């Protein structure tokens, strides 16, 4: 079972990286971030349903846009945003 978890996470990270590199994520001004218990809504980056047994990250923009992430997907989104703000080339 642990192998399946690892495979699913690796697949999710690959899809997240591709979507971020292709610029499919909204460029929002963040108003608040909190950790929540998800309800099977899809992750904004990888599109996988959020697992109700784990925590998710909920981000609200100043424009009222609500984004839900797996914790790992959120970390990658933050890293890509920070890199873009520094004008570094993508990894």
PDB file of N, CA and C in Angstrom:
ATOM      1  N   UNK A   1       0.818  -1.193   0.000  1.00  0.00           N
ATOM      2  CA  UNK A   1       0.000   0.000   0.000  1.00  0.00           C
ATOM      3  C   UNK A   1       0.866   1.262   0.000  1.00  0.00           C
ATOM      4  N   UNK A   2       1.983   1.240   0.716  1.00  0.00           N
ATOM      5  CA  UNK A   2       2.863   2.396   0.747  1.00  0.00           C
ATOM      6  C   UNK A   2       3.406   2.699  -0.642  1.00  0.00           C
ATOM      7  N   UNK A   3       3.653   1.655  -1.454  1.00  0.00           N
ATOM      8  CA  UNK A   3       4.122   1.873  -2.819  1.00  0.00           C
ATOM      9  C   UNK A   3       3.075   2.610  -3.640  1.00  0.00           C
ATOM     10  N   UNK A   4       1.815   2.271  -3.461  1.00  0.00           N
ATOM     11  CA  UNK A   4       0.752   2.952  -4.183  1.00  0.00           C
ATOM     12  C   UNK A   4       0.671   4.420  -3.785  1.00  0.00           C
ATOM     13  N   UNK A   5       0.837   4.716  -2.495  1.00  0.00           N
ATOM     14  CA  UNK A   5       0.829   6.100  -2.026  1.00  0.00           C
ATOM     15  C   UNK A   5       1.963   6.884  -2.666  1.00  0.00           C
ATOM     16  N   UNK A   6       3.141   6.275  -2.723  1.00  0.00           N
ATOM     17  CA  UNK A   6       4.296   6.937  -3.314  1.00  0.00           C
ATOM     18  C   UNK A   6       4.061   7.193  -4.799  1.00  0.00           C
ATOM     19  N   UNK A   7       3.519   6.196  -5.487  1.00  0.00           N
ATOM     20  CA  UNK A   7       3.255   6.355  -6.924  1.00  0.00           C
ATOM     21  C   UNK A   7       2.226   7.458  -7.179  1.00  0.00           C
ATOM     22  N   UNK A   8       1.181   7.481  -6.399  1.00  0.00           N
ATOM     23  CA  UNK A   8       0.144   8.503  -6.564  1.00  0.00           C
ATOM     24  C   UNK A   8       0.719   9.891  -6.305  1.00  0.00           C
ATOM     25  N   UNK A   9       1.540  10.020  -5.267  1.00  0.00           N
ATOM     26  CA  UNK A   9       2.149  11.318  -4.947  1.00  0.00           C
ATOM     27  C   UNK A   9       3.096  11.757  -6.056  1.00  0.00           C
ATOM     28  N   UNK A  10       3.914  10.840  -6.576  1.00  0.00           N
ATOM     29  CA  UNK A  10       4.853  11.166  -7.650  1.00  0.00           C
ATOM     30  C   UNK A  10       4.095  11.603  -8.904  1.00  0.00           C
ATOM     31  N   UNK A  11       3.024  10.918  -9.219  1.00  0.00           N
ATOM     32  CA  UNK A  11       2.212  11.281 -10.381  1.00  0.00           C
ATOM     33  C   UNK A  11       1.603  12.670 -10.190  1.00  0.00           C
ATOM     34  N   UNK A  12       1.098  12.929  -8.985  1.00  0.00           N
ATOM     35  CA  UNK A  12       0.496  14.233  -8.676  1.00  0.00           C
ATOM     36  C   UNK A  12       1.532  15.344  -8.788  1.00  0.00           C
ATOM     37  N   UNK A  13       2.734  15.108  -8.294  1.00  0.00           N
ATOM     38  CA  UNK A  13       3.786  16.125  -8.354  1.00  0.00           C
ATOM     39  C   UNK A  13       4.195  16.405  -9.802  1.00  0.00           C
ATOM     40  N   UNK A  14       4.203  15.364 -10.626  1.00  0.00           N
ATOM     41  CA  UNK A  14       4.522  15.553 -12.041  1.00  0.00           C
ATOM     42  C   UNK A  14       3.482  16.417 -12.738  1.00  0.00           C
ATOM     43  N   UNK A  15       2.204  16.146 -12.494  1.00  0.00           N
ATOM     44  CA  UNK A  15       1.138  16.951 -13.098  1.00  0.00           C
ATOM     45  C   UNK A  15       1.167  18.384 -12.579  1.00  0.00           C
ATOM     46  N   UNK A  16       1.439  18.530 -11.294  1.00  0.00           N
ATOM     47  CA  UNK A  16       1.514  19.874 -10.709  1.00  0.00           C
ATOM     48  C   UNK A  16       2.643  20.665 -11.341  1.00  0.00           C
ATOM     49  N   UNK A  17       3.806  20.056 -11.453  1.00  0.00           N
ATOM     50  CA  UNK A  17       4.958  20.743 -12.056  1.00  0.00           C
ATOM     51  C   UNK A  17       4.644  21.163 -13.489  1.00  0.00           C
ATOM     52  N   UNK A  18       4.047  20.270 -14.257  1.00  0.00           N
ATOM     53  CA  UNK A  18       3.711  20.592 -15.650  1.00  0.00           C
ATOM     54  C   UNK A  18       2.737  21.756 -15.728  1.00  0.00           C
ATOM     55  N   UNK A  19       1.695  21.737 -14.911  1.00  0.00           N
ATOM     56  CA  UNK A  19       0.704  22.823 -14.937  1.00  0.00           C
ATOM     57  C   UNK A  19       1.320  24.151 -14.521  1.00  0.00           C
ATOM     58  N   UNK A  20       2.200  24.116 -13.526  1.00  0.00           N
ATOM     59  CA  UNK A  20       2.832  25.349 -13.080  1.00  0.00           C
ATOM     60  C   UNK A  20       3.769  25.905 -14.154  1.00  0.00           C
ATOM     61  N   UNK A  21       4.551  25.042 -14.784  1.00  0.00           N
ATOM     62  CA  UNK A  21       5.464  25.487 -15.835  1.00  0.00           C
ATOM     63  C   UNK A  21       4.719  26.041 -17.040  1.00  0.00           C
ATOM     64  N   UNK A  22       3.551  25.476 -17.333  1.00  0.00           N
ATOM     65  CA  UNK A  22       2.764  25.931 -18.477  1.00  0.00           C
ATOM     66  C   UNK A  22       1.947  27.181 -18.162  1.00  0.00           C
ATOM     67  N   UNK A  23       1.996  27.632 -16.914  1.00  0.00           N
ATOM     68  CA  UNK A  23       1.303  28.858 -16.535  1.00  0.00           C
ATOM     69  C   UNK A  23      -0.196  28.720 -16.378  1.00  0.00           C
ATOM     70  N   UNK A  24      -0.672  27.539 -15.994  1.00  0.00           N
ATOM     71  CA  UNK A  24      -2.108  27.309 -15.847  1.00  0.00           C
ATOM     72  C   UNK A  24      -2.663  27.748 -14.495  1.00  0.00           C
ATOM     73  N   UNK A  25      -1.847  28.335 -13.669  1.00  0.00           N
ATOM     74  CA  UNK A  25      -2.310  28.745 -12.350  1.00  0.00           C
ATOM     75  C   UNK A  25      -2.610  30.238 -12.334  1.00  0.00           C
ATOM     76  N   UNK A  26      -3.679  30.619 -11.644  1.00  0.00           N
ATOM     77  CA  UNK A  26      -3.991  32.050 -11.579  1.00  0.00           C
ATOM     78  C   UNK A  26      -2.926  32.794 -10.774  1.00  0.00           C
ATOM     79  N   UNK A  27      -2.636  33.997 -11.209  1.00  0.00           N
ATOM     80  CA  UNK A  27      -1.706  34.855 -10.481  1.00  0.00           C
ATOM     81  C   UNK A  27      -2.553  35.752  -9.588  1.00  0.00           C
ATOM     82  N   UNK A  28      -2.703  35.350  -8.343  1.00  0.00           N
ATOM     83  CA  UNK A  28      -3.602  36.049  -7.431  1.00  0.00           C
ATOM     84  C   UNK A  28      -2.822  36.726  -6.318  1.00  0.00           C
ATOM     85  N   UNK A  29      -3.403  37.783  -5.799  1.00  0.00           N
ATOM     86  CA  UNK A  29      -2.861  38.435  -4.616  1.00  0.00           C
ATOM     87  C   UNK A  29      -3.499  37.752  -3.412  1.00  0.00           C
ATOM     88  N   UNK A  30      -2.688  37.115  -2.591  1.00  0.00           N
ATOM     89  CA  UNK A  30      -3.189  36.290  -1.495  1.00  0.00           C
ATOM     90  C   UNK A  30      -3.695  37.157  -0.347  1.00  0.00           C
ATOM     91  N   UNK A  31      -4.890  36.801   0.115  1.00  0.00           N
ATOM     92  CA  UNK A  31      -5.474  37.485   1.257  1.00  0.00           C
ATOM     93  C   UNK A  31      -5.329  36.650   2.523  1.00  0.00           C
ATOM     94  N   UNK A  32      -5.614  35.342   2.440  1.00  0.00           N
ATOM     95  CA  UNK A  32      -5.458  34.481   3.607  1.00  0.00           C
ATOM     96  C   UNK A  32      -5.158  33.051   3.178  1.00  0.00           C
ATOM     97  N   UNK A  33      -4.489  32.340   4.071  1.00  0.00           N
ATOM     98  CA  UNK A  33      -4.158  30.930   3.862  1.00  0.00           C
ATOM     99  C   UNK A  33      -4.478  30.205   5.160  1.00  0.00           C
ATOM    100  N   UNK A  34      -5.108  29.036   5.034  1.00  0.00           N
ATOM    101  CA  UNK A  34      -5.354  28.231   6.231  1.00  0.00           C
ATOM    102  C   UNK A  34      -5.357  26.756   5.861  1.00  0.00           C
ATOM    103  N   UNK A  35      -5.095  25.936   6.849  1.00  0.00           N
ATOM    104  CA  UNK A  35      -5.137  24.486   6.684  1.00  0.00           C
ATOM    105  C   UNK A  35      -6.547  24.027   7.031  1.00  0.00           C
ATOM    106  N   UNK A  36      -7.126  23.192   6.167  1.00  0.00           N
ATOM    107  CA  UNK A  36      -8.510  22.754   6.350  1.00  0.00           C
ATOM    108  C   UNK A  36      -8.617  21.244   6.165  1.00  0.00           C
ATOM    109  N   UNK A  37      -9.720  20.685   6.596  1.00  0.00           N
ATOM    110  CA  UNK A  37     -10.080  19.292   6.284  1.00  0.00           C
ATOM    111  C   UNK A  37     -10.887  19.347   4.993  1.00  0.00           C
ATOM    112  N   UNK A  38     -10.371  18.783   3.924  1.00  0.00           N
ATOM    113  CA  UNK A  38     -11.075  18.899   2.644  1.00  0.00           C
ATOM    114  C   UNK A  38     -12.303  18.017   2.556  1.00  0.00           C
ATOM    115  N   UNK A  39     -13.131  18.339   1.581  1.00  0.00           N
ATOM    116  CA  UNK A  39     -14.290  17.491   1.231  1.00  0.00           C
ATOM    117  C   UNK A  39     -14.010  16.914  -0.144  1.00  0.00           C
ATOM    118  N   UNK A  40     -13.729  16.206  -0.723  1.00  0.00           N
ATOM    119  CA  UNK A  40     -13.398  15.599  -2.013  1.00  0.00           C
ATOM    120  C   UNK A  40     -13.327  16.592  -3.178  1.00  0.00           C
ATOM    121  N   UNK A  41     -13.205  17.881  -2.911  1.00  0.00           N
ATOM    122  CA  UNK A  41     -13.004  18.849  -3.987  1.00  0.00           C
ATOM    123  C   UNK A  41     -11.665  18.578  -4.665  1.00  0.00           C
ATOM    124  N   UNK A  42     -11.517  18.956  -5.931  1.00  0.00           N
ATOM    125  CA  UNK A  42     -10.232  18.716  -6.601  1.00  0.00           C
ATOM    126  C   UNK A  42      -9.188  19.756  -6.212  1.00  0.00           C
ATOM    127  N   UNK A  43      -7.947  19.327  -6.216  1.00  0.00           N
ATOM    128  CA  UNK A  43      -6.809  20.223  -6.011  1.00  0.00           C
ATOM    129  C   UNK A  43      -6.688  21.112  -7.246  1.00  0.00           C
ATOM    130  N   UNK A  44      -6.431  22.389  -7.048  1.00  0.00           N
ATOM    131  CA  UNK A  44      -6.364  23.337  -8.158  1.00  0.00           C
ATOM    132  C   UNK A  44      -5.179  23.049  -9.086  1.00  0.00           C
ATOM    133  N   UNK A  45      -4.117  22.438  -8.585  1.00  0.00           N
ATOM    134  CA  UNK A  45      -2.954  22.217  -9.440  1.00  0.00           C
ATOM    135  C   UNK A  45      -2.954  20.863 -10.123  1.00  0.00           C
ATOM    136  N   UNK A  46      -3.200  19.785  -9.396  1.00  0.00           N
ATOM    137  CA  UNK A  46      -3.083  18.444 -10.002  1.00  0.00           C
ATOM    138  C   UNK A  46      -4.429  17.872 -10.419  1.00  0.00           C
ATOM    139  N   UNK A  47      -5.508  18.457  -9.976  1.00  0.00           N
ATOM    140  CA  UNK A  47      -6.884  18.040 -10.283  1.00  0.00           C
ATOM    141  C   UNK A  47      -7.321  16.748  -9.597  1.00  0.00           C
ATOM    142  N   UNK A  48      -6.480  16.141  -8.772  1.00  0.00           N
ATOM    143  CA  UNK A  48      -6.886  14.961  -8.008  1.00  0.00           C
ATOM    144  C   UNK A  48      -7.828  15.397  -6.885  1.00  0.00           C
ATOM    145  N   UNK A  49      -8.775  14.557  -6.521  1.00  0.00           N
ATOM    146  CA  UNK A  49      -9.625  14.900  -5.376  1.00  0.00           C
ATOM    147  C   UNK A  49      -8.777  14.978  -4.106  1.00  0.00           C
ATOM    148  N   UNK A  50      -9.105  15.916  -3.261  1.00  0.00           N
ATOM    149  CA  UNK A  50      -8.402  16.037  -1.984  1.00  0.00           C
ATOM    150  C   UNK A  50      -8.869  14.923  -1.066  1.00  0.00           C
ATOM    151  N   UNK A  51      -7.942  14.252  -0.447  1.00  0.00           N
ATOM    152  CA  UNK A  51      -8.239  13.128   0.436  1.00  0.00           C
ATOM    153  C   UNK A  51      -8.822  13.653   1.734  1.00  0.00           C
ATOM    154  N   UNK A  52      -9.995  13.192   2.091  1.00  0.00           N
ATOM    155  CA  UNK A  52     -10.669  13.686   3.287  1.00  0.00           C
ATOM    156  C   UNK A  52      -9.977  13.279   4.583  1.00  0.00           C
ATOM    157  N   UNK A  53      -9.019  12.366   4.516  1.00  0.00           N
ATOM    158  CA  UNK A  53      -8.328  11.936   5.735  1.00  0.00           C
ATOM    159  C   UNK A  53      -7.057  12.750   5.997  1.00  0.00           C
ATOM    160  N   UNK A  54      -6.724  13.679   5.119  1.00  0.00           N
ATOM    161  CA  UNK A  54      -5.522  14.497   5.308  1.00  0.00           C
ATOM    162  C   UNK A  54      -5.896  15.971   5.307  1.00  0.00           C
ATOM    163  N   UNK A  55      -4.924  16.804   5.585  1.00  0.00           N
ATOM    164  CA  UNK A  55      -5.172  18.236   5.568  1.00  0.00           C
ATOM    165  C   UNK A  55      -4.922  18.790   4.175  1.00  0.00           C
ATOM    166  N   UNK A  56      -5.620  19.855   3.865  1.00  0.00           N
ATOM    167  CA  UNK A  56      -5.435  20.565   2.610  1.00  0.00           C
ATOM    168  C   UNK A  56      -5.149  22.028   2.937  1.00  0.00           C
ATOM    169  N   UNK A  57      -4.705  22.768   1.944  1.00  0.00           N
ATOM    170  CA  UNK A  57      -4.440  24.192   2.129  1.00  0.00           C
ATOM    171  C   UNK A  57      -5.467  24.969   1.314  1.00  0.00           C
ATOM    172  N   UNK A  58      -6.120  25.895   1.981  1.00  0.00           N
ATOM    173  CA  UNK A  58      -7.123  26.747   1.342  1.00  0.00           C
ATOM    174  C   UNK A  58      -6.567  28.159   1.262  1.00  0.00           C
ATOM    175  N   UNK A  59      -6.576  28.722   0.064  1.00  0.00           N
ATOM    176  CA  UNK A  59      -6.053  30.063  -0.166  1.00  0.00           C
ATOM    177  C   UNK A  59      -7.186  30.923  -0.700  1.00  0.00           C
ATOM    178  N   UNK A  60      -7.347  32.109  -0.129  1.00  0.00           N
ATOM    179  CA  UNK A  60      -8.302  33.083  -0.639  1.00  0.00           C
ATOM    180  C   UNK A  60      -7.532  34.282  -1.167  1.00  0.00           C
ATOM    181  N   UNK A  61      -7.942  34.765  -2.332  1.00  0.00           N
ATOM    182  CA  UNK A  61      -7.304  35.960  -2.896  1.00  0.00           C
ATOM    183  C   UNK A  61      -8.094  37.193  -2.460  1.00  0.00           C
ATOM    184  N   UNK A  62      -7.515  38.367  -2.692  1.00  0.00           N
ATOM    185  CA  UNK A  62      -8.224  39.600  -2.353  1.00  0.00           C
ATOM    186  C   UNK A  62      -9.454  39.778  -3.238  1.00  0.00           C
ATOM    187  N   UNK A  63      -9.497  39.099  -4.373  1.00  0.00           N
ATOM    188  CA  UNK A  63     -10.643  39.172  -5.282  1.00  0.00           C
ATOM    189  C   UNK A  63     -11.717  38.144  -4.948  1.00  0.00           C
ATOM    190  N   UNK A  64     -11.520  37.363  -3.886  1.00  0.00           N
ATOM    191  CA  UNK A  64     -12.503  36.377  -3.477  1.00  0.00           C
ATOM    192  C   UNK A  64     -12.354  35.024  -4.145  1.00  0.00           C
ATOM    193  N   UNK A  65     -11.247  34.789  -4.836  1.00  0.00           N
ATOM    194  CA  UNK A  65     -11.000  33.497  -5.467  1.00  0.00           C
ATOM    195  C   UNK A  65     -10.539  32.511  -4.401  1.00  0.00           C
ATOM    196  N   UNK A  66     -11.150  31.328  -4.377  1.00  0.00           N
ATOM    197  CA  UNK A  66     -10.792  30.287  -3.408  1.00  0.00           C
ATOM    198  C   UNK A  66     -10.040  29.184  -4.143  1.00  0.00           C
ATOM    199  N   UNK A  67      -8.845  28.869  -3.662  1.00  0.00           N
ATOM    200  CA  UNK A  67      -8.018  27.824  -4.236  1.00  0.00           C
ATOM    201  C   UNK A  67      -7.780  26.753  -3.177  1.00  0.00           C
ATOM    202  N   UNK A  68      -7.954  25.489  -3.548  1.00  0.00           N
ATOM    203  CA  UNK A  68      -7.687  24.368  -2.641  1.00  0.00           C
ATOM    204  C   UNK A  68      -6.526  23.548  -3.186  1.00  0.00           C
ATOM    205  N   UNK A  69      -5.615  23.155  -2.299  1.00  0.00           N
ATOM    206  CA  UNK A  69      -4.412  22.434  -2.680  1.00  0.00           C
ATOM    207  C   UNK A  69      -4.158  21.245  -1.769  1.00  0.00           C
ATOM    208  N   UNK A  70      -3.511  20.207  -2.294  1.00  0.00           N
ATOM    209  CA  UNK A  70      -2.813  19.258  -1.431  1.00  0.00           C
ATOM    210  C   UNK A  70      -1.666  20.059  -0.804  1.00  0.00           C
ATOM    211  N   UNK A  71      -1.205  19.685   0.356  1.00  0.00           N
ATOM    212  CA  UNK A  71      -0.121  20.419   1.012  1.00  0.00           C
ATOM    213  C   UNK A  71       1.133  20.451   0.125  1.00  0.00           C
ATOM    214  N   UNK A  72       1.485  19.322  -0.495  1.00  0.00           N
ATOM    215  CA  UNK A  72       2.661  19.285  -1.368  1.00  0.00           C
ATOM    216  C   UNK A  72       2.471  20.169  -2.596  1.00  0.00           C
ATOM    217  N   UNK A  73       1.293  20.142  -3.178  1.00  0.00           N
ATOM    218  CA  UNK A  73       1.017  20.974  -4.350  1.00  0.00           C
ATOM    219  C   UNK A  73       1.108  22.454  -3.992  1.00  0.00           C
ATOM    220  N   UNK A  74       0.619  22.811  -2.804  1.00  0.00           N
ATOM    221  CA  UNK A  74       0.705  24.202  -2.356  1.00  0.00           C
ATOM    222  C   UNK A  74       2.159  24.624  -2.199  1.00  0.00           C
ATOM    223  N   UNK A  75       2.980  23.764  -1.606  1.00  0.00           N
ATOM    224  CA  UNK A  75       4.401  24.090  -1.438  1.00  0.00           C
ATOM    225  C   UNK A  75       5.063  24.337  -2.794  1.00  0.00           C
ATOM    226  N   UNK A  76       4.720  23.516  -3.783  1.00  0.00           N
ATOM    227  CA  UNK A  76       5.291  23.707  -5.120  1.00  0.00           C
ATOM    228  C   UNK A  76       4.794  25.011  -5.749  1.00  0.00           C
ATOM    229  N   UNK A  77       3.516  25.323  -5.565  1.00  0.00           N
ATOM    230  CA  UNK A  77       2.955  26.558  -6.095  1.00  0.00           C
ATOM    231  C   UNK A  77       3.668  27.765  -5.502  1.00  0.00           C
ATOM    232  N   UNK A  78       3.895  27.744  -4.189  1.00  0.00           N
ATOM    233  CA  UNK A  78       4.595  28.841  -3.516  1.00  0.00           C
ATOM    234  C   UNK A  78       6.017  28.968  -4.060  1.00  0.00           C
ATOM    235  N   UNK A  79       6.720  27.845  -4.219  1.00  0.00           N
ATOM    236  CA  UNK A  79       8.086  27.877  -4.732  1.00  0.00           C
ATOM    237  C   UNK A  79       8.134  28.452  -6.152  1.00  0.00           C
ATOM    238  N   UNK A  80       7.205  28.052  -7.016  1.00  0.00           N
ATOM    239  CA  UNK A  80       7.173  28.584  -8.378  1.00  0.00           C
ATOM    240  C   UNK A  80       6.852  30.072  -8.379  1.00  0.00           C
ATOM    241  N   UNK A  81       5.941  30.514  -7.524  1.00  0.00           N
ATOM    242  CA  UNK A  81       5.616  31.951  -7.436  1.00  0.00           C
ATOM    243  C   UNK A  81       6.814  32.756  -6.972  1.00  0.00           C
ATOM    244  N   UNK A  82       7.521  32.236  -5.963  1.00  0.00           N
ATOM    245  CA  UNK A  82       8.703  32.942  -5.464  1.00  0.00           C
ATOM    246  C   UNK A  82       9.781  33.012  -6.537  1.00  0.00           C
ATOM    247  N   UNK A  83       9.988  31.925  -7.258  1.00  0.00           N
ATOM    248  CA  UNK A  83      10.992  31.903  -8.333  1.00  0.00           C
ATOM    249  C   UNK A  83      10.607  32.898  -9.432  1.00  0.00           C
ATOM    250  N   UNK A  84       9.317  32.957  -9.768  1.00  0.00           N
ATOM    251  CA  UNK A  84       8.861  33.888 -10.803  1.00  0.00           C
ATOM    252  C   UNK A  84       9.061  35.334 -10.359  1.00  0.00           C
ATOM    253  N   UNK A  85       8.854  35.598  -9.094  1.00  0.00           N
ATOM    254  CA  UNK A  85       9.051  36.961  -8.582  1.00  0.00           C
ATOM    255  C   UNK A  85      10.513  37.365  -8.576  1.00  0.00           C
ATOM    256  N   UNK A  86      11.412  36.379  -8.511  1.00  0.00           N
ATOM    257  CA  UNK A  86      12.861  36.664  -8.579  1.00  0.00           C
ATOM    258  C   UNK A  86      13.342  36.693 -10.020  1.00  0.00           C
ATOM    259  N   UNK A  87      12.469  36.312 -10.952  1.00  0.00           N
ATOM    260  CA  UNK A  87      12.786  36.269 -12.380  1.00  0.00           C
ATOM    261  C   UNK A  87      13.869  35.256 -12.691  1.00  0.00           C
ATOM    262  N   UNK A  88      13.909  34.155 -11.924  1.00  0.00           N
ATOM    263  CA  UNK A  88      14.835  33.067 -12.207  1.00  0.00           C
ATOM    264  C   UNK A  88      14.227  32.195 -13.294  1.00  0.00           C
ATOM    265  N   UNK A  89      15.048  31.551 -14.099  1.00  0.00           N
ATOM    266  CA  UNK A  89      14.488  30.620 -15.082  1.00  0.00           C
ATOM    267  C   UNK A  89      13.902  29.410 -14.368  1.00  0.00           C
ATOM    268  N   UNK A  90      12.883  28.774 -14.960  1.00  0.00           N
ATOM    269  CA  UNK A  90      12.289  27.588 -14.327  1.00  0.00           C
ATOM    270  C   UNK A  90      13.282  26.468 -14.163  1.00  0.00           C
ATOM    271  N   UNK A  91      13.099  25.666 -13.125  1.00  0.00           N
ATOM    272  CA  UNK A  91      14.008  24.539 -12.865  1.00  0.00           C
ATOM    273  C   UNK A  91      13.731  23.404 -13.815  1.00  0.00           C
TER     274      UNK A  91
END
